[in-house]
C-alpha cells in the first residue's frame, strides 16, 4: 500500500512539531519520497531514510562531541546521491512511501 499526502501551510507550530516528530519516526522505518522547496525556491524530490540498516557506517571517535540538531531542519540520508542532506521542515510540500 502506498501512502502519500500533501502538506498544508496552514498548520500552527504544534502541527509542525507533530509532523516533524512523525516524519522522523517514519524515516526510521521507511524509505520516503519527500518533495520540498529548496532555499533558492526550486522544488526538489528526494528519496531518503533514517533506517539504520540503510545508513553508511561511520567510525566514531571516543571523545566525539554530540551534534546539535536544529529544530527547523531534518537531516536525512539521500538514497540516490548516497549522501547526507537536510531540508527545512516547513518547506515540505508532500511525501510518499510504501507500507509492505
PDB file of N, CA and C in Angstrom:
ATOM      1  N   UNK A   1       0.842  -1.170   0.000  1.00  0.00           N
ATOM      2  CA  UNK A   1       0.000   0.000   0.000  1.00  0.00           C
ATOM      3  C   UNK A   1       0.895   1.244   0.000  1.00  0.00           C
ATOM      4  N   UNK A   2       0.587   2.185  -0.872  1.00  0.00           N
ATOM      5  CA  UNK A   2       1.324   3.442  -0.942  1.00  0.00           C
ATOM      6  C   UNK A   2       0.562   4.523  -0.189  1.00  0.00           C
ATOM      7  N   UNK A   3       1.285   5.247   0.642  1.00  0.00           N
ATOM      8  CA  UNK A   3       0.712   6.356   1.402  1.00  0.00           C
ATOM      9  C   UNK A   3       1.333   7.632   0.857  1.00  0.00           C
ATOM     10  N   UNK A   4       0.499   8.611   0.512  1.00  0.00           N
ATOM     11  CA  UNK A   4       1.017   9.889   0.056  1.00  0.00           C
ATOM     12  C   UNK A   4       0.103  10.989   0.569  1.00  0.00           C
ATOM     13  N   UNK A   5       0.676  12.159   0.739  1.00  0.00           N
ATOM     14  CA  UNK A   5      -0.104  13.281   1.233  1.00  0.00           C
ATOM     15  C   UNK A   5       0.572  14.588   0.870  1.00  0.00           C
ATOM     16  N   UNK A   6      -0.238  15.598   0.690  1.00  0.00           N
ATOM     17  CA  UNK A   6       0.274  16.956   0.556  1.00  0.00           C
ATOM     18  C   UNK A   6       0.303  17.560   1.951  1.00  0.00           C
ATOM     19  N   UNK A   7       1.206  18.488   2.160  1.00  0.00           N
ATOM     20  CA  UNK A   7       1.332  19.148   3.455  1.00  0.00           C
ATOM     21  C   UNK A   7       0.747  20.544   3.330  1.00  0.00           C
ATOM     22  N   UNK A   8      -0.059  20.933   4.296  1.00  0.00           N
ATOM     23  CA  UNK A   8      -0.688  22.252   4.262  1.00  0.00           C
ATOM     24  C   UNK A   8       0.205  23.301   4.920  1.00  0.00           C
ATOM     25  N   UNK A   9       0.144  24.488   4.424  1.00  0.00           N
ATOM     26  CA  UNK A   9       0.913  25.592   5.017  1.00  0.00           C
ATOM     27  C   UNK A   9       0.108  26.293   6.108  1.00  0.00           C
ATOM     28  N   UNK A  10      -1.119  25.839   6.363  1.00  0.00           N
ATOM     29  CA  UNK A  10      -1.990  26.461   7.360  1.00  0.00           C
ATOM     30  C   UNK A  10      -1.773  25.918   8.765  1.00  0.00           C
ATOM     31  N   UNK A  11      -0.774  25.072   8.945  1.00  0.00           N
ATOM     32  CA  UNK A  11      -0.543  24.477  10.253  1.00  0.00           C
ATOM     33  C   UNK A  11       0.020  25.505  11.227  1.00  0.00           C
ATOM     34  N   UNK A  12      -0.276  25.285  12.518  1.00  0.00           N
ATOM     35  CA  UNK A  12       0.334  26.105  13.558  1.00  0.00           C
ATOM     36  C   UNK A  12       1.608  25.407  14.035  1.00  0.00           C
ATOM     37  N   UNK A  13       2.308  26.008  14.966  1.00  0.00           N
ATOM     38  CA  UNK A  13       3.589  25.448  15.435  1.00  0.00           C
ATOM     39  C   UNK A  13       3.434  24.047  16.016  1.00  0.00           C
ATOM     40  N   UNK A  14       2.343  23.791  16.719  1.00  0.00           N
ATOM     41  CA  UNK A  14       2.096  22.458  17.289  1.00  0.00           C
ATOM     42  C   UNK A  14       1.935  21.426  16.183  1.00  0.00           C
ATOM     43  N   UNK A  15       1.207  21.786  15.125  1.00  0.00           N
ATOM     44  CA  UNK A  15       1.025  20.878  13.988  1.00  0.00           C
ATOM     45  C   UNK A  15       2.370  20.550  13.340  1.00  0.00           C
ATOM     46  N   UNK A  16       3.211  21.583  13.137  1.00  0.00           N
ATOM     47  CA  UNK A  16       4.528  21.357  12.522  1.00  0.00           C
ATOM     48  C   UNK A  16       5.397  20.472  13.404  1.00  0.00           C
ATOM     49  N   UNK A  17       5.338  20.652  14.711  1.00  0.00           N
ATOM     50  CA  UNK A  17       6.119  19.826  15.643  1.00  0.00           C
ATOM     51  C   UNK A  17       5.662  18.376  15.557  1.00  0.00           C
ATOM     52  N   UNK A  18       4.352  18.165  15.540  1.00  0.00           N
ATOM     53  CA  UNK A  18       3.814  16.794  15.413  1.00  0.00           C
ATOM     54  C   UNK A  18       4.260  16.160  14.100  1.00  0.00           C
ATOM     55  N   UNK A  19       4.176  16.927  13.009  1.00  0.00           N
ATOM     56  CA  UNK A  19       4.594  16.410  11.711  1.00  0.00           C
ATOM     57  C   UNK A  19       6.078  16.069  11.725  1.00  0.00           C
ATOM     58  N   UNK A  20       6.895  16.936  12.279  1.00  0.00           N
ATOM     59  CA  UNK A  20       8.336  16.699  12.363  1.00  0.00           C
ATOM     60  C   UNK A  20       8.637  15.424  13.145  1.00  0.00           C
ATOM     61  N   UNK A  21       7.979  15.257  14.280  1.00  0.00           N
ATOM     62  CA  UNK A  21       8.172  14.048  15.094  1.00  0.00           C
ATOM     63  C   UNK A  21       7.708  12.805  14.338  1.00  0.00           C
ATOM     64  N   UNK A  22       6.545  12.909  13.660  1.00  0.00           N
ATOM     65  CA  UNK A  22       6.034  11.774  12.901  1.00  0.00           C
ATOM     66  C   UNK A  22       6.990  11.415  11.758  1.00  0.00           C
ATOM     67  N   UNK A  23       7.437  12.436  11.011  1.00  0.00           N
ATOM     68  CA  UNK A  23       8.325  12.198   9.880  1.00  0.00           C
ATOM     69  C   UNK A  23       9.634  11.563  10.336  1.00  0.00           C
ATOM     70  N   UNK A  24      10.176  12.025  11.442  1.00  0.00           N
ATOM     71  CA  UNK A  24      11.399  11.447  11.993  1.00  0.00           C
ATOM     72  C   UNK A  24      11.198   9.963  12.292  1.00  0.00           C
ATOM     73  N   UNK A  25      10.092   9.620  12.913  1.00  0.00           N
ATOM     74  CA  UNK A  25       9.800   8.217  13.213  1.00  0.00           C
ATOM     75  C   UNK A  25       9.560   7.392  11.963  1.00  0.00           C
ATOM     76  N   UNK A  26       8.828   7.965  11.004  1.00  0.00           N
ATOM     77  CA  UNK A  26       8.538   7.248   9.759  1.00  0.00           C
ATOM     78  C   UNK A  26       9.810   6.985   8.964  1.00  0.00           C
ATOM     79  N   UNK A  27      10.738   7.940   8.974  1.00  0.00           N
ATOM     80  CA  UNK A  27      12.003   7.775   8.249  1.00  0.00           C
ATOM     81  C   UNK A  27      12.877   6.685   8.868  1.00  0.00           C
ATOM     82  N   UNK A  28      12.699   6.399  10.133  1.00  0.00           N
ATOM     83  CA  UNK A  28      13.493   5.371  10.805  1.00  0.00           C
ATOM     84  C   UNK A  28      13.028   3.967  10.452  1.00  0.00           C
ATOM     85  N   UNK A  29      11.842   3.852   9.819  1.00  0.00           N
ATOM     86  CA  UNK A  29      11.322   2.538   9.452  1.00  0.00           C
ATOM     87  C   UNK A  29      10.963   2.410   7.978  1.00  0.00           C
ATOM     88  N   UNK A  30      11.093   3.513   7.215  1.00  0.00           N
ATOM     89  CA  UNK A  30      10.685   3.511   5.810  1.00  0.00           C
ATOM     90  C   UNK A  30      11.636   4.333   4.950  1.00  0.00           C
ATOM     91  N   UNK A  31      11.543   4.089   3.660  1.00  0.00           N
ATOM     92  CA  UNK A  31      12.135   4.979   2.666  1.00  0.00           C
ATOM     93  C   UNK A  31      11.005   5.892   2.227  1.00  0.00           C
ATOM     94  N   UNK A  32      11.236   7.199   2.267  1.00  0.00           N
ATOM     95  CA  UNK A  32      10.174   8.157   1.963  1.00  0.00           C
ATOM     96  C   UNK A  32      10.626   9.099   0.854  1.00  0.00           C
ATOM     97  N   UNK A  33       9.727   9.336  -0.097  1.00  0.00           N
ATOM     98  CA  UNK A  33       9.966  10.325  -1.148  1.00  0.00           C
ATOM     99  C   UNK A  33       9.391  11.642  -0.633  1.00  0.00           C
ATOM    100  N   UNK A  34      10.272  12.611  -0.357  1.00  0.00           N
ATOM    101  CA  UNK A  34       9.865  13.900   0.189  1.00  0.00           C
ATOM    102  C   UNK A  34      10.022  14.968  -0.892  1.00  0.00           C
ATOM    103  N   UNK A  35       8.971  15.742  -1.095  1.00  0.00           N
ATOM    104  CA  UNK A  35       9.013  16.874  -2.012  1.00  0.00           C
ATOM    105  C   UNK A  35       9.037  18.134  -1.168  1.00  0.00           C
ATOM    106  N   UNK A  36      10.029  18.989  -1.420  1.00  0.00           N
ATOM    107  CA  UNK A  36      10.152  20.220  -0.641  1.00  0.00           C
ATOM    108  C   UNK A  36      10.694  21.333  -1.523  1.00  0.00           C
ATOM    109  N   UNK A  37      10.588  22.553  -1.020  1.00  0.00           N
ATOM    110  CA  UNK A  37      11.109  23.719  -1.723  1.00  0.00           C
ATOM    111  C   UNK A  37      12.466  24.069  -1.138  1.00  0.00           C
ATOM    112  N   UNK A  38      13.473  24.110  -1.993  1.00  0.00           N
ATOM    113  CA  UNK A  38      14.818  24.469  -1.549  1.00  0.00           C
ATOM    114  C   UNK A  38      14.883  25.964  -1.244  1.00  0.00           C
ATOM    115  N   UNK A  39      15.941  26.376  -0.556  1.00  0.00           N
ATOM    116  CA  UNK A  39      16.091  27.785  -0.195  1.00  0.00           C
ATOM    117  C   UNK A  39      16.139  28.704  -1.411  1.00  0.00           C
ATOM    118  N   UNK A  40      16.597  28.177  -2.561  1.00  0.00           N
ATOM    119  CA  UNK A  40      16.658  29.006  -3.767  1.00  0.00           C
ATOM    120  C   UNK A  40      15.314  29.069  -4.497  1.00  0.00           C
ATOM    121  N   UNK A  41      14.285  28.413  -3.928  1.00  0.00           N
ATOM    122  CA  UNK A  41      12.944  28.460  -4.496  1.00  0.00           C
ATOM    123  C   UNK A  41      12.600  27.321  -5.429  1.00  0.00           C
ATOM    124  N   UNK A  42      13.582  26.489  -5.772  1.00  0.00           N
ATOM    125  CA  UNK A  42      13.304  25.362  -6.658  1.00  0.00           C
ATOM    126  C   UNK A  42      12.736  24.194  -5.851  1.00  0.00           C
ATOM    127  N   UNK A  43      11.988  23.364  -6.550  1.00  0.00           N
ATOM    128  CA  UNK A  43      11.408  22.191  -5.911  1.00  0.00           C
ATOM    129  C   UNK A  43      12.355  21.007  -6.048  1.00  0.00           C
ATOM    130  N   UNK A  44      12.426  20.204  -5.008  1.00  0.00           N
ATOM    131  CA  UNK A  44      13.322  19.035  -5.011  1.00  0.00           C
ATOM    132  C   UNK A  44      12.540  17.834  -4.514  1.00  0.00           C
ATOM    133  N   UNK A  45      12.723  16.692  -5.153  1.00  0.00           N
ATOM    134  CA  UNK A  45      12.158  15.427  -4.714  1.00  0.00           C
ATOM    135  C   UNK A  45      13.326  14.549  -4.290  1.00  0.00           C
ATOM    136  N   UNK A  46      13.273  14.039  -3.072  1.00  0.00           N
ATOM    137  CA  UNK A  46      14.383  13.257  -2.541  1.00  0.00           C
ATOM    138  C   UNK A  46      13.870  11.949  -1.948  1.00  0.00           C
ATOM    139  N   UNK A  47      14.494  10.843  -2.356  1.00  0.00           N
ATOM    140  CA  UNK A  47      14.242   9.549  -1.745  1.00  0.00           C
ATOM    141  C   UNK A  47      15.198   9.434  -0.569  1.00  0.00           C
ATOM    142  N   UNK A  48      14.643   9.387   0.636  1.00  0.00           N
ATOM    143  CA  UNK A  48      15.510   9.444   1.810  1.00  0.00           C
ATOM    144  C   UNK A  48      15.039   8.495   2.903  1.00  0.00           C
ATOM    145  N   UNK A  49      15.900   8.323   3.904  1.00  0.00           N
ATOM    146  CA  UNK A  49      15.600   7.419   5.007  1.00  0.00           C
ATOM    147  C   UNK A  49      16.468   7.755   6.214  1.00  0.00           C
ATOM    148  N   UNK A  50      16.088   7.162   7.333  1.00  0.00           N
ATOM    149  CA  UNK A  50      16.917   7.126   8.542  1.00  0.00           C
ATOM    150  C   UNK A  50      16.977   5.694   9.073  1.00  0.00           C
ATOM    151  N   UNK A  51      16.640   4.724   8.208  1.00  0.00           N
ATOM    152  CA  UNK A  51      16.680   3.319   8.609  1.00  0.00           C
ATOM    153  C   UNK A  51      18.123   2.915   8.890  1.00  0.00           C
ATOM    154  N   UNK A  52      18.412   2.453  10.091  1.00  0.00           N
ATOM    155  CA  UNK A  52      19.797   2.124  10.449  1.00  0.00           C
ATOM    156  C   UNK A  52      20.491   1.175   9.469  1.00  0.00           C
ATOM    157  N   UNK A  53      19.773   0.197   8.936  1.00  0.00           N
ATOM    158  CA  UNK A  53      20.405  -0.774   8.035  1.00  0.00           C
ATOM    159  C   UNK A  53      20.726  -0.188   6.657  1.00  0.00           C
ATOM    160  N   UNK A  54      20.217   0.999   6.330  1.00  0.00           N
ATOM    161  CA  UNK A  54      20.498   1.640   5.047  1.00  0.00           C
ATOM    162  C   UNK A  54      21.477   2.801   5.158  1.00  0.00           C
ATOM    163  N   UNK A  55      21.868   3.140   6.376  1.00  0.00           N
ATOM    164  CA  UNK A  55      22.789   4.257   6.590  1.00  0.00           C
ATOM    165  C   UNK A  55      24.225   3.777   6.457  1.00  0.00           C
ATOM    166  N   UNK A  56      25.109   4.657   6.003  1.00  0.00           N
ATOM    167  CA  UNK A  56      26.518   4.261   5.892  1.00  0.00           C
ATOM    168  C   UNK A  56      27.137   4.098   7.280  1.00  0.00           C
ATOM    169  N   UNK A  57      28.084   3.191   7.365  1.00  0.00           N
ATOM    170  CA  UNK A  57      28.804   3.012   8.626  1.00  0.00           C
ATOM    171  C   UNK A  57      29.751   4.185   8.811  1.00  0.00           C
ATOM    172  N   UNK A  58      29.767   4.709  10.017  1.00  0.00           N
ATOM    173  CA  UNK A  58      30.625   5.843  10.332  1.00  0.00           C
ATOM    174  C   UNK A  58      31.446   5.465  11.559  1.00  0.00           C
ATOM    175  N   UNK A  59      32.759   5.594  11.426  1.00  0.00           N
ATOM    176  CA  UNK A  59      33.606   5.333  12.577  1.00  0.00           C
ATOM    177  C   UNK A  59      33.513   6.515  13.523  1.00  0.00           C
ATOM    178  N   UNK A  60      33.339   6.223  14.798  1.00  0.00           N
ATOM    179  CA  UNK A  60      33.240   7.290  15.785  1.00  0.00           C
ATOM    180  C   UNK A  60      34.498   7.332  16.633  1.00  0.00           C
ATOM    181  N   UNK A  61      34.822   8.516  17.057  1.00  0.00           N
ATOM    182  CA  UNK A  61      35.962   8.704  17.936  1.00  0.00           C
ATOM    183  C   UNK A  61      35.474   8.622  19.379  1.00  0.00           C
ATOM    184  N   UNK A  62      36.354   8.265  20.248  1.00  0.00           N
ATOM    185  CA  UNK A  62      35.993   8.083  21.640  1.00  0.00           C
ATOM    186  C   UNK A  62      35.384   9.352  22.249  1.00  0.00           C
ATOM    187  N   UNK A  63      35.968  10.503  21.967  1.00  0.00           N
ATOM    188  CA  UNK A  63      35.503  11.737  22.583  1.00  0.00           C
ATOM    189  C   UNK A  63      34.807  12.642  21.567  1.00  0.00           C
ATOM    190  N   UNK A  64      34.086  12.038  20.638  1.00  0.00           N
ATOM    191  CA  UNK A  64      33.397  12.830  19.623  1.00  0.00           C
ATOM    192  C   UNK A  64      32.256  13.598  20.271  1.00  0.00           C
ATOM    193  N   UNK A  65      32.141  14.852  19.926  1.00  0.00           N
ATOM    194  CA  UNK A  65      31.096  15.671  20.520  1.00  0.00           C
ATOM    195  C   UNK A  65      29.757  15.385  19.863  1.00  0.00           C
ATOM    196  N   UNK A  66      28.715  15.603  20.602  1.00  0.00           N
ATOM    197  CA  UNK A  66      27.375  15.370  20.094  1.00  0.00           C
ATOM    198  C   UNK A  66      26.944  16.551  19.236  1.00  0.00           C
ATOM    199  N   UNK A  67      26.360  16.257  18.078  1.00  0.00           N
ATOM    200  CA  UNK A  67      25.902  17.312  17.185  1.00  0.00           C
ATOM    201  C   UNK A  67      24.571  17.876  17.675  1.00  0.00           C
ATOM    202  N   UNK A  68      24.397  19.160  17.515  1.00  0.00           N
ATOM    203  CA  UNK A  68      23.145  19.807  17.883  1.00  0.00           C
ATOM    204  C   UNK A  68      22.253  19.815  16.650  1.00  0.00           C
ATOM    205  N   UNK A  69      21.054  19.290  16.800  1.00  0.00           N
ATOM    206  CA  UNK A  69      20.111  19.205  15.681  1.00  0.00           C
ATOM    207  C   UNK A  69      19.196  20.428  15.701  1.00  0.00           C
ATOM    208  N   UNK A  70      19.307  21.298  14.707  1.00  0.00           N
ATOM    209  CA  UNK A  70      18.399  22.440  14.654  1.00  0.00           C
ATOM    210  C   UNK A  70      16.960  21.956  14.531  1.00  0.00           C
ATOM    211  N   UNK A  71      16.052  22.539  15.295  1.00  0.00           N
ATOM    212  CA  UNK A  71      14.674  22.049  15.329  1.00  0.00           C
ATOM    213  C   UNK A  71      13.902  22.294  14.036  1.00  0.00           C
ATOM    214  N   UNK A  72      14.356  23.226  13.221  1.00  0.00           N
ATOM    215  CA  UNK A  72      13.636  23.543  11.994  1.00  0.00           C
ATOM    216  C   UNK A  72      14.068  22.688  10.803  1.00  0.00           C
ATOM    217  N   UNK A  73      15.105  21.882  10.974  1.00  0.00           N
ATOM    218  CA  UNK A  73      15.671  21.084   9.886  1.00  0.00           C
ATOM    219  C   UNK A  73      15.521  19.600  10.155  1.00  0.00           C
ATOM    220  N   UNK A  74      15.495  18.829   9.076  1.00  0.00           N
ATOM    221  CA  UNK A  74      15.502  17.373   9.169  1.00  0.00           C
ATOM    222  C   UNK A  74      16.717  16.885   8.390  1.00  0.00           C
ATOM    223  N   UNK A  75      17.625  16.214   9.072  1.00  0.00           N
ATOM    224  CA  UNK A  75      18.787  15.614   8.413  1.00  0.00           C
ATOM    225  C   UNK A  75      18.422  14.191   8.033  1.00  0.00           C
ATOM    226  N   UNK A  76      18.660  13.828   6.769  1.00  0.00           N
ATOM    227  CA  UNK A  76      18.292  12.517   6.244  1.00  0.00           C
ATOM    228  C   UNK A  76      19.401  11.996   5.340  1.00  0.00           C
ATOM    229  N   UNK A  77      19.339  10.710   5.043  1.00  0.00           N
ATOM    230  CA  UNK A  77      20.278  10.113   4.107  1.00  0.00           C
ATOM    231  C   UNK A  77      19.598  10.011   2.750  1.00  0.00           C
ATOM    232  N   UNK A  78      20.159  10.688   1.744  1.00  0.00           N
ATOM    233  CA  UNK A  78      19.635  10.670   0.376  1.00  0.00           C
ATOM    234  C   UNK A  78      20.082   9.373  -0.282  1.00  0.00           C
ATOM    235  N   UNK A  79      19.134   8.510  -0.602  1.00  0.00           N
ATOM    236  CA  UNK A  79      19.451   7.194  -1.150  1.00  0.00           C
ATOM    237  C   UNK A  79      19.943   7.250  -2.591  1.00  0.00           C
ATOM    238  N   UNK A  80      19.594   8.300  -3.329  1.00  0.00           N
ATOM    239  CA  UNK A  80      20.053   8.419  -4.712  1.00  0.00           C
ATOM    240  C   UNK A  80      21.471   8.965  -4.785  1.00  0.00           C
ATOM    241  N   UNK A  81      21.759   9.996  -4.006  1.00  0.00           N
ATOM    242  CA  UNK A  81      23.098  10.595  -4.001  1.00  0.00           C
ATOM    243  C   UNK A  81      24.072   9.866  -3.073  1.00  0.00           C
ATOM    244  N   UNK A  82      23.532   9.033  -2.194  1.00  0.00           N
ATOM    245  CA  UNK A  82      24.344   8.312  -1.195  1.00  0.00           C
ATOM    246  C   UNK A  82      25.114   9.301  -0.310  1.00  0.00           C
ATOM    247  N   UNK A  83      24.409  10.372   0.101  1.00  0.00           N
ATOM    248  CA  UNK A  83      24.995  11.408   0.942  1.00  0.00           C
ATOM    249  C   UNK A  83      23.955  11.912   1.930  1.00  0.00           C
ATOM    250  N   UNK A  84      24.442  12.491   3.025  1.00  0.00           N
ATOM    251  CA  UNK A  84      23.560  13.140   3.986  1.00  0.00           C
ATOM    252  C   UNK A  84      23.109  14.481   3.421  1.00  0.00           C
ATOM    253  N   UNK A  85      21.828  14.777   3.605  1.00  0.00           N
ATOM    254  CA  UNK A  85      21.236  16.032   3.176  1.00  0.00           C
ATOM    255  C   UNK A  85      20.276  16.492   4.268  1.00  0.00           C
ATOM    256  N   UNK A  86      19.830  17.734   4.155  1.00  0.00           N
ATOM    257  CA  UNK A  86      18.830  18.227   5.102  1.00  0.00           C
ATOM    258  C   UNK A  86      17.871  19.157   4.378  1.00  0.00           C
ATOM    259  N   UNK A  87      16.716  19.351   4.982  1.00  0.00           N
ATOM    260  CA  UNK A  87      15.729  20.274   4.444  1.00  0.00           C
ATOM    261  C   UNK A  87      15.004  20.931   5.609  1.00  0.00           C
ATOM    262  N   UNK A  88      14.429  22.081   5.329  1.00  0.00           N
ATOM    263  CA  UNK A  88      13.628  22.790   6.330  1.00  0.00           C
ATOM    264  C   UNK A  88      12.280  22.089   6.419  1.00  0.00           C
ATOM    265  N   UNK A  89      11.871  21.729   7.625  1.00  0.00           N
ATOM    266  CA  UNK A  89      10.611  21.003   7.820  1.00  0.00           C
ATOM    267  C   UNK A  89       9.436  21.746   7.175  1.00  0.00           C
ATOM    268  N   UNK A  90       9.365  23.047   7.386  1.00  0.00           N
ATOM    269  CA  UNK A  90       8.229  23.824   6.876  1.00  0.00           C
ATOM    270  C   UNK A  90       8.259  24.008   5.363  1.00  0.00           C
ATOM    271  N   UNK A  91       9.313  23.524   4.695  1.00  0.00           N
ATOM    272  CA  UNK A  91       9.371  23.616   3.233  1.00  0.00           C
ATOM    273  C   UNK A  91       8.807  22.362   2.559  1.00  0.00           C
ATOM    274  N   UNK A  92       8.441  21.342   3.353  1.00  0.00           N
ATOM    275  CA  UNK A  92       7.909  20.099   2.798  1.00  0.00           C
ATOM    276  C   UNK A  92       6.537  20.369   2.197  1.00  0.00           C
ATOM    277  N   UNK A  93       6.372  19.916   0.958  1.00  0.00           N
ATOM    278  CA  UNK A  93       5.110  20.090   0.244  1.00  0.00           C
ATOM    279  C   UNK A  93       4.308  18.790   0.184  1.00  0.00           C
ATOM    280  N   UNK A  94       5.027  17.656   0.121  1.00  0.00           N
ATOM    281  CA  UNK A  94       4.356  16.359   0.007  1.00  0.00           C
ATOM    282  C   UNK A  94       5.312  15.246   0.386  1.00  0.00           C
ATOM    283  N   UNK A  95       4.748  14.080   0.654  1.00  0.00           N
ATOM    284  CA  UNK A  95       5.577  12.898   0.924  1.00  0.00           C
ATOM    285  C   UNK A  95       4.828  11.666   0.445  1.00  0.00           C
ATOM    286  N   UNK A  96       5.606  10.607   0.206  1.00  0.00           N
ATOM    287  CA  UNK A  96       5.039   9.346  -0.286  1.00  0.00           C
ATOM    288  C   UNK A  96       5.921   8.194   0.151  1.00  0.00           C
ATOM    289  N   UNK A  97       5.293   7.105   0.612  1.00  0.00           N
ATOM    290  CA  UNK A  97       6.045   5.906   0.949  1.00  0.00           C
ATOM    291  C   UNK A  97       5.145   4.698   0.832  1.00  0.00           C
ATOM    292  N   UNK A  98       5.750   3.533   0.788  1.00  0.00           N
ATOM    293  CA  UNK A  98       5.016   2.284   0.636  1.00  0.00           C
ATOM    294  C   UNK A  98       5.092   1.478   1.911  1.00  0.00           C
ATOM    295  N   UNK A  99       3.960   0.989   2.339  1.00  0.00           N
ATOM    296  CA  UNK A  99       3.901   0.104   3.504  1.00  0.00           C
ATOM    297  C   UNK A  99       3.781  -1.313   2.966  1.00  0.00           C
ATOM    298  N   UNK A 100       4.688  -2.171   3.405  1.00  0.00           N
ATOM    299  CA  UNK A 100       4.624  -3.549   2.897  1.00  0.00           C
ATOM    300  C   UNK A 100       4.115  -4.497   3.947  1.00  0.00           C
TER     301      UNK A 100
END
